[in-house]
Amino acid sequence: MANHGLSVDHLFKYGSIPIIETFDAHMLAYQMFVYLYSVLNGYEPWAAFLYNSYIEVFNVLILYLVLRLMIKETYAFLFILTFPLLTNLFDNTFILVGWMILVVIKQLKTSSTITTKQFINFCIVASLLCLYKLDIGIAALEAGLCTYTAFLFFNYKTKSIIKLFVIGILYVAAALLVFIFLCLWKNVSPFERISDFLNAVMSNQNWAYPEVEDASSLAYAIGEYPE
């Protein structure tokens, strides 16, 4: 609770912007409904997290929409309604990736190529998923890009692939400009913040520790490996 608890508390007490001034290893996954609760009821430490379970509503909706692509609507609805081990069969942590699946499939069904507007929508969904949880967002982004690239390649739309990557680069540049602006507004070095962020989210780190010990030392081997 400390990760998101501190981020939320600092936002309401000191005006600290999450990710810019505080960092939650879960990004905004456990903070979104806190803001909803606080808008409706006023901020109360700990009580604010009472609405967190409402994410299940979105999970079930996304799961239903994805299943509807594979089976009839009635069967999808009955499956969601009656299957007793739904949360065991589908990990709730990753169900929201289905949002990206819906976006990509809808776009590929509507035309033989990908328009600028469609790819910007894709970038927006990927950004929101990254803000929700970084691992989910990155996985959805990589899968979506691979799907787009393969689709355009096999439909002989090589120039469109270059166009999409140019749009993606411009989108990332715009996002970085917003990030830098917020950092400078809060008197935070954007370059140091990016470095801290990358250190914290590297796949070889655990719970935002950039470095625990020299893993090559004998003391580390003796002290850590038996655990």
Protein backbone atom coordinates (compact mmCIF):
# COMPACT_ATOMS: atom_id res chain seq x y z
CA MET A 1 0.00 0.00 0.00
CA ALA A 2 2.93 2.33 0.64
CA ASN A 3 3.78 2.86 -3.04
CA HIS A 4 0.42 4.19 -4.10
CA GLY A 5 -0.55 5.40 -0.62
CA LEU A 6 2.35 7.84 -0.54
CA SER A 7 1.77 9.02 -4.11
CA VAL A 8 -1.90 9.74 -3.42
CA ASP A 9 -1.23 11.34 -0.04
CA HIS A 10 1.46 13.64 -1.45
CA LEU A 11 -0.82 14.67 -4.28
CA PHE A 12 -3.62 15.81 -1.97
CA LYS A 13 -1.44 17.21 0.81
CA TYR A 14 1.44 18.78 -1.10
CA GLY A 15 0.28 18.91 -4.73
CA SER A 16 2.99 16.47 -5.87
CA ILE A 17 2.32 15.14 -9.36
CA PRO A 18 2.48 11.31 -9.55
CA ILE A 19 5.35 9.96 -11.70
CA ILE A 20 6.87 13.45 -11.91
CA GLU A 21 7.51 13.88 -8.18
CA THR A 22 6.48 10.53 -6.69
CA PHE A 23 6.72 7.07 -8.17
CA ASP A 24 4.44 4.09 -7.71
CA ALA A 25 5.79 0.77 -8.92
CA HIS A 26 2.24 -0.01 -10.10
CA MET A 27 1.97 3.33 -11.96
CA LEU A 28 -1.64 4.60 -11.64
CA ALA A 29 -3.35 1.20 -11.35
CA TYR A 30 -4.19 1.65 -7.66
CA GLN A 31 -4.67 5.41 -7.79
CA MET A 32 -7.35 6.01 -10.43
CA PHE A 33 -10.33 5.13 -8.26
CA VAL A 34 -8.82 6.99 -5.33
CA TYR A 35 -9.28 10.19 -7.29
CA LEU A 36 -12.87 9.22 -8.11
CA TYR A 37 -13.57 8.51 -4.44
CA SER A 38 -11.96 11.77 -3.37
CA VAL A 39 -13.97 13.81 -5.87
CA LEU A 40 -17.22 12.28 -4.65
CA ASN A 41 -16.48 12.03 -0.91
CA GLY A 42 -13.41 14.14 -0.16
CA TYR A 43 -9.95 12.74 0.47
CA GLU A 44 -9.58 10.43 3.45
CA PRO A 45 -6.36 8.41 3.88
CA TRP A 46 -6.91 4.65 3.42
CA ALA A 47 -10.69 5.05 3.01
CA ALA A 48 -9.94 6.44 -0.45
CA PHE A 49 -8.96 2.94 -1.63
CA LEU A 50 -12.45 1.56 -1.04
CA TYR A 51 -13.34 2.04 -4.71
CA ASN A 52 -10.36 0.07 -6.08
CA SER A 53 -12.39 -3.10 -6.60
CA TYR A 54 -14.53 -1.28 -9.19
CA ILE A 55 -11.82 -2.00 -11.74
CA GLU A 56 -13.44 -5.45 -11.94
CA VAL A 57 -16.37 -3.85 -13.78
CA PHE A 58 -14.04 -2.72 -16.57
CA ASN A 59 -12.24 -6.08 -16.56
CA VAL A 60 -15.48 -7.99 -17.05
CA LEU A 61 -16.66 -5.59 -19.76
CA ILE A 62 -13.38 -5.87 -21.70
CA LEU A 63 -13.41 -9.66 -21.33
CA TYR A 64 -16.97 -9.83 -22.62
CA LEU A 65 -16.17 -7.66 -25.65
CA VAL A 66 -13.13 -9.79 -26.51
CA LEU A 67 -15.04 -13.08 -26.12
CA ARG A 68 -17.81 -11.65 -28.30
CA LEU A 69 -15.32 -11.55 -31.17
CA MET A 70 -14.85 -15.33 -30.92
CA ILE A 71 -18.27 -16.66 -29.91
CA LYS A 72 -21.86 -15.44 -30.10
CA GLU A 73 -22.90 -12.54 -27.86
CA THR A 74 -25.33 -14.72 -25.88
CA TYR A 75 -22.69 -17.37 -25.19
CA ALA A 76 -20.14 -14.72 -24.19
CA PHE A 77 -22.62 -13.16 -21.78
CA LEU A 78 -23.61 -16.52 -20.24
CA PHE A 79 -19.95 -17.51 -19.90
CA ILE A 80 -19.11 -14.28 -18.06
CA LEU A 81 -22.21 -14.62 -15.90
CA THR A 82 -21.95 -18.28 -14.89
CA PHE A 83 -18.32 -19.46 -15.10
CA PRO A 84 -17.28 -20.04 -11.46
CA LEU A 85 -13.51 -19.59 -11.84
CA LEU A 86 -13.49 -16.58 -14.13
CA THR A 87 -10.77 -14.68 -12.26
CA ASN A 88 -8.63 -17.84 -12.10
CA LEU A 89 -8.94 -18.56 -15.82
CA PHE A 90 -8.28 -14.95 -16.85
CA ASP A 91 -5.70 -13.08 -14.77
CA ASN A 92 -7.37 -9.78 -13.80
CA THR A 93 -4.02 -8.02 -13.96
CA PHE A 94 -3.80 -8.40 -17.73
CA ILE A 95 -7.43 -8.37 -18.87
CA LEU A 96 -7.21 -4.68 -19.79
CA VAL A 97 -4.80 -5.63 -22.58
CA GLY A 98 -8.01 -6.70 -24.29
CA TRP A 99 -8.70 -3.00 -24.87
CA MET A 100 -5.76 -2.94 -27.27
CA ILE A 101 -7.01 -6.12 -28.94
CA LEU A 102 -10.37 -4.48 -29.57
CA VAL A 103 -8.77 -1.36 -31.02
CA VAL A 104 -6.44 -3.25 -33.36
CA ILE A 105 -9.05 -5.72 -34.61
CA LYS A 106 -11.60 -2.98 -35.26
CA GLN A 107 -9.06 -0.97 -37.26
CA LEU A 108 -7.86 -3.93 -39.32
CA LYS A 109 -11.44 -4.91 -40.16
CA THR A 110 -12.45 -1.47 -41.40
CA SER A 111 -9.74 -0.89 -44.02
CA SER A 112 -6.84 -2.44 -45.89
CA THR A 113 -4.40 0.07 -44.42
CA ILE A 114 -3.96 2.07 -41.21
CA THR A 115 -4.86 5.75 -41.29
CA THR A 116 -3.09 8.46 -39.30
CA LYS A 117 -6.15 8.93 -37.08
CA GLN A 118 -6.35 5.21 -36.35
CA PHE A 119 -2.69 4.98 -35.39
CA ILE A 120 -2.97 8.03 -33.13
CA ASN A 121 -5.90 6.30 -31.40
CA PHE A 122 -3.65 3.26 -31.02
CA CYS A 123 -0.90 5.44 -29.47
CA ILE A 124 -3.39 7.01 -27.04
CA VAL A 125 -4.64 3.59 -25.87
CA ALA A 126 -1.05 2.36 -25.48
CA SER A 127 -0.19 5.48 -23.44
CA LEU A 128 -3.19 5.01 -21.14
CA LEU A 129 -2.31 1.36 -20.60
CA CYS A 130 1.30 2.33 -19.79
CA LEU A 131 0.04 4.88 -17.27
CA TYR A 132 -2.25 2.23 -15.81
CA LYS A 133 0.53 -0.37 -15.50
CA LEU A 134 3.79 -0.15 -17.38
CA ASP A 135 4.24 -3.89 -17.97
CA ILE A 136 0.73 -4.15 -19.42
CA GLY A 137 1.20 -1.08 -21.61
CA ILE A 138 4.57 -2.17 -23.01
CA ALA A 139 3.28 -5.69 -23.76
CA ALA A 140 0.20 -4.28 -25.52
CA LEU A 141 2.32 -1.75 -27.45
CA GLU A 142 4.78 -4.39 -28.69
CA ALA A 143 2.00 -6.79 -29.67
CA GLY A 144 0.08 -4.05 -31.47
CA LEU A 145 3.11 -2.81 -33.38
CA CYS A 146 4.03 -6.34 -34.47
CA THR A 147 0.44 -6.94 -35.62
CA TYR A 148 0.32 -3.67 -37.57
CA THR A 149 3.71 -4.27 -39.18
CA ALA A 150 2.84 -7.83 -40.22
CA PHE A 151 -0.56 -6.73 -41.58
CA LEU A 152 0.89 -3.92 -43.67
CA PHE A 153 3.85 -5.99 -44.85
CA PHE A 154 1.70 -8.86 -46.13
CA ASN A 155 -0.67 -6.36 -47.76
CA TYR A 156 2.28 -4.75 -49.59
CA LYS A 157 1.94 -1.45 -47.72
CA THR A 158 5.65 -1.00 -46.92
CA LYS A 159 5.47 2.80 -47.16
CA SER A 160 2.66 2.77 -44.59
CA ILE A 161 4.95 1.00 -42.11
CA ILE A 162 7.46 3.87 -42.36
CA LYS A 163 4.62 6.37 -41.98
CA LEU A 164 3.37 4.67 -38.82
CA PHE A 165 6.79 4.70 -37.20
CA VAL A 166 7.22 8.38 -38.06
CA ILE A 167 3.84 9.13 -36.44
CA GLY A 168 4.88 7.06 -33.42
CA ILE A 169 8.14 8.98 -33.05
CA LEU A 170 6.31 12.31 -33.28
CA TYR A 171 3.78 11.12 -30.67
CA VAL A 172 6.55 10.08 -28.27
CA ALA A 173 8.31 13.42 -28.85
CA ALA A 174 5.09 15.29 -27.98
CA ALA A 175 4.66 13.18 -24.84
CA LEU A 176 8.26 13.93 -23.83
CA LEU A 177 7.66 17.66 -24.28
CA VAL A 178 4.68 17.46 -21.92
CA PHE A 179 6.80 15.48 -19.44
CA ILE A 180 9.64 18.01 -19.61
CA PHE A 181 7.21 20.91 -19.17
CA LEU A 182 5.71 19.32 -16.03
CA CYS A 183 9.18 18.61 -14.63
CA LEU A 184 10.37 22.18 -15.19
CA TRP A 185 7.10 23.51 -13.74
CA LYS A 186 7.82 21.53 -10.56
CA ASN A 187 11.54 22.43 -10.54
CA VAL A 188 12.53 18.83 -11.24
CA SER A 189 15.36 17.97 -13.62
CA PRO A 190 13.65 16.07 -16.48
CA PHE A 191 16.84 14.24 -17.42
CA GLU A 192 17.50 13.06 -13.86
CA ARG A 193 13.85 12.05 -13.53
CA ILE A 194 14.01 10.02 -16.75
CA SER A 195 17.21 8.35 -15.51
CA ASP A 196 15.59 7.56 -12.14
CA PHE A 197 12.50 6.24 -13.90
CA LEU A 198 14.49 3.95 -16.20
CA ASN A 199 16.52 2.63 -13.27
CA ALA A 200 13.34 1.89 -11.34
CA VAL A 201 11.49 0.08 -14.11
CA MET A 202 14.31 -2.03 -15.52
CA SER A 203 13.32 -5.70 -15.73
CA ASN A 204 16.19 -6.75 -13.45
CA GLN A 205 15.02 -4.52 -10.60
CA ASN A 206 12.63 -5.42 -7.81
CA TRP A 207 10.23 -2.92 -6.24
CA ALA A 208 12.05 0.14 -7.56
CA TYR A 209 15.46 -0.55 -6.00
CA PRO A 210 18.00 0.68 -8.58
CA GLU A 211 20.77 -1.29 -6.90
CA VAL A 212 20.82 -3.42 -3.77
CA GLU A 213 24.37 -4.71 -3.70
CA ASP A 214 27.30 -5.68 -5.88
CA ALA A 215 26.05 -9.01 -7.21
CA SER A 216 29.59 -10.05 -8.20
CA SER A 217 30.92 -9.89 -4.63
CA LEU A 218 31.42 -12.98 -2.43
CA ALA A 219 29.45 -11.34 0.41
CA TYR A 220 26.41 -10.97 -1.88
CA ALA A 221 26.62 -14.62 -2.96
CA ILE A 222 26.85 -15.86 0.63
CA GLY A 223 24.18 -13.54 2.00
CA GLU A 224 21.59 -13.56 -0.77
CA TYR A 225 21.68 -16.86 -2.63
CA PRO A 226 20.63 -19.08 0.32
CA GLU A 227 17.44 -17.01 0.60
